Amino acid sequence: MFSIFNYGRNELRLATELHSAQFYDDEPIVALEIKDEIKTIKEIGVAARALDGLTGIVIVNPFYNNGYAFSDVDCAVALINHAIFAVSEGLSGKIFAPLIIFHPMESSKEGLSADDVDIKKILSDKCGARTVIMMHPDEYLDL
């Protein structure tokens, strides 16, 4: 499986499997329930909007908030894993560790993440990617 993740503030194309051209196309938001400082993901994508306004529910875009490309790393990982699962569900055959290419559609003011973490390592470890490539908004990668 070869996936590309293109995230932007309002970018809807989240993941594309290049061999089959199947893709996951949804809004990059997560509905979180927060109780006693513990976050629980309730919905992902457009379905999260239905929970907006409920007590204890916060709608989060884990990308491009507060000046960071990854404003909430845990939610970003959950969203990426959800996209990988959704795309791989429709594929026949074995699914192998994906290649993740994070190609931001715009520059982030503050950098990749508020936390001083290695985003490539997190995406590799928590999303099962064999390789993670971080690109710049104006960079072009010829595959």
Protein backbone atom coordinates (compact mmCIF):
# COMPACT_ATOMS: atom_id res chain seq x y z
CA MET A 1 0.00 0.00 0.00
CA PHE A 2 1.33 3.38 -0.94
CA SER A 3 -0.50 6.31 0.61
CA ILE A 4 -0.12 10.04 0.32
CA PHE A 5 -1.61 12.31 2.94
CA ASN A 6 -2.32 15.85 1.83
CA TYR A 7 -3.53 18.02 4.66
CA GLY A 8 -4.48 21.64 4.62
CA ARG A 9 -6.66 23.85 6.74
CA ASN A 10 -9.74 22.82 4.77
CA GLU A 11 -8.24 20.14 2.55
CA LEU A 12 -10.53 17.15 2.23
CA ARG A 13 -8.35 14.66 0.34
CA LEU A 14 -6.63 12.87 3.18
CA ALA A 15 -5.27 9.66 1.74
CA THR A 16 -4.77 8.13 -1.68
CA GLU A 17 -3.61 4.62 -2.43
CA LEU A 18 -1.62 5.17 -5.60
CA HIS A 19 -1.80 1.73 -7.20
CA SER A 20 -5.59 1.50 -7.15
CA ALA A 21 -6.33 5.26 -6.94
CA GLN A 22 -8.73 4.60 -4.06
CA PHE A 23 -8.89 7.45 -1.60
CA TYR A 24 -10.30 8.61 1.71
CA ASP A 25 -12.03 11.93 1.32
CA ASP A 26 -13.44 13.50 4.48
CA GLU A 27 -13.09 16.57 6.62
CA PRO A 28 -9.96 16.40 8.85
CA ILE A 29 -11.76 16.87 12.17
CA VAL A 30 -12.20 14.80 15.32
CA ALA A 31 -14.92 14.97 17.99
CA LEU A 32 -13.34 14.51 21.41
CA GLU A 33 -15.01 13.86 24.72
CA ILE A 34 -12.86 15.16 27.56
CA LYS A 35 -13.48 13.83 31.07
CA ASP A 36 -10.95 14.22 33.89
CA GLU A 37 -8.27 15.26 31.36
CA ILE A 38 -8.77 11.99 29.42
CA LYS A 39 -9.56 12.41 25.72
CA THR A 40 -11.85 9.91 24.02
CA ILE A 41 -12.46 10.09 20.29
CA LYS A 42 -16.18 9.90 19.55
CA GLU A 43 -16.31 10.57 15.80
CA ILE A 44 -13.98 11.37 12.92
CA GLY A 45 -14.69 13.40 9.80
CA VAL A 46 -18.00 15.00 8.83
CA ALA A 47 -19.81 12.76 11.36
CA ALA A 48 -17.99 14.68 14.11
CA ARG A 49 -19.94 17.84 13.20
CA ALA A 50 -23.16 16.19 14.45
CA LEU A 51 -21.71 16.13 17.98
CA ASP A 52 -20.76 19.82 17.94
CA GLY A 53 -22.36 21.65 20.85
CA LEU A 54 -22.91 18.61 23.06
CA THR A 55 -21.67 18.92 26.63
CA GLY A 56 -18.11 17.70 27.03
CA ILE A 57 -17.52 17.38 23.26
CA VAL A 58 -14.84 19.42 21.53
CA ILE A 59 -14.38 19.47 17.75
CA VAL A 60 -10.69 19.55 16.83
CA ASN A 61 -8.80 19.88 13.56
CA PRO A 62 -5.49 18.23 14.50
CA PHE A 63 -3.76 20.00 11.63
CA TYR A 64 -2.96 23.68 11.21
CA ASN A 65 -4.21 25.08 14.49
CA ASN A 66 -2.30 27.45 16.74
CA GLY A 67 0.37 27.87 14.06
CA TYR A 68 1.49 24.23 13.99
CA ALA A 69 1.10 21.65 11.21
CA PHE A 70 0.31 19.03 13.90
CA SER A 71 -1.60 20.89 16.58
CA ASP A 72 -2.78 17.65 18.25
CA VAL A 73 -0.46 14.74 17.47
CA ASP A 74 -2.64 12.03 19.07
CA CYS A 75 -5.73 13.11 17.13
CA ALA A 76 -3.69 13.38 13.94
CA VAL A 77 -2.46 9.80 14.39
CA ALA A 78 -6.03 8.59 15.01
CA LEU A 79 -7.27 10.38 11.90
CA ILE A 80 -4.45 9.00 9.74
CA ASN A 81 -5.02 5.46 11.03
CA HIS A 82 -8.74 5.84 10.31
CA ALA A 83 -7.96 6.98 6.75
CA ILE A 84 -5.53 4.08 6.18
CA PHE A 85 -8.15 1.61 7.44
CA ALA A 86 -10.92 3.15 5.31
CA VAL A 87 -8.79 3.01 2.15
CA SER A 88 -7.44 -0.49 2.81
CA GLU A 89 -10.93 -1.86 3.48
CA GLY A 90 -11.81 -1.48 -0.19
CA LEU A 91 -8.63 -3.09 -1.50
CA SER A 92 -8.24 -6.72 -2.37
CA GLY A 93 -5.11 -8.59 -1.36
CA LYS A 94 -2.59 -8.05 1.39
CA ILE A 95 -2.01 -4.68 2.93
CA PHE A 96 1.58 -3.82 3.72
CA ALA A 97 3.08 -1.04 5.80
CA PRO A 98 2.25 2.23 4.05
CA LEU A 99 4.63 4.88 2.85
CA ILE A 100 3.34 8.12 4.35
CA ILE A 101 4.13 11.34 2.56
CA PHE A 102 3.01 14.35 4.56
CA HIS A 103 2.68 17.15 2.06
CA PRO A 104 1.27 20.28 3.68
CA MET A 105 -0.70 22.58 1.42
CA GLU A 106 0.54 25.65 3.27
CA SER A 107 3.34 26.69 5.62
CA SER A 108 2.84 26.57 9.36
CA LYS A 109 4.01 29.61 11.31
CA GLU A 110 5.38 27.79 14.36
CA GLY A 111 6.63 24.55 12.84
CA LEU A 112 5.50 20.93 12.87
CA SER A 113 4.35 20.42 16.45
CA ALA A 114 3.98 22.26 19.76
CA ASP A 115 5.43 19.21 21.48
CA ASP A 116 9.11 18.65 20.91
CA VAL A 117 8.55 15.26 19.28
CA ASP A 118 9.85 13.48 16.21
CA ILE A 119 6.75 13.47 13.97
CA LYS A 120 8.34 11.03 11.52
CA LYS A 121 9.01 8.53 14.31
CA ILE A 122 5.50 8.90 15.74
CA LEU A 123 3.88 8.34 12.34
CA SER A 124 6.15 5.37 11.75
CA ASP A 125 5.52 3.81 15.16
CA LYS A 126 1.83 4.58 15.63
CA CYS A 127 0.62 4.34 12.02
CA GLY A 128 2.78 1.39 11.01
CA ALA A 129 4.48 3.26 8.18
CA ARG A 130 7.67 1.77 6.83
CA THR A 131 8.80 5.20 5.65
CA VAL A 132 7.63 8.73 6.39
CA ILE A 133 8.55 11.65 4.15
CA MET A 134 7.92 15.21 5.33
CA MET A 135 7.70 17.68 2.46
CA HIS A 136 7.57 21.46 2.24
CA PRO A 137 4.49 23.19 0.80
CA ASP A 138 6.28 24.29 -2.36
CA GLU A 139 8.21 21.05 -2.83
CA TYR A 140 7.43 18.67 -5.68
CA LEU A 141 8.13 14.95 -5.45
CA ASP A 142 8.25 12.99 -8.70
CA LEU A 143 7.10 9.45 -7.99
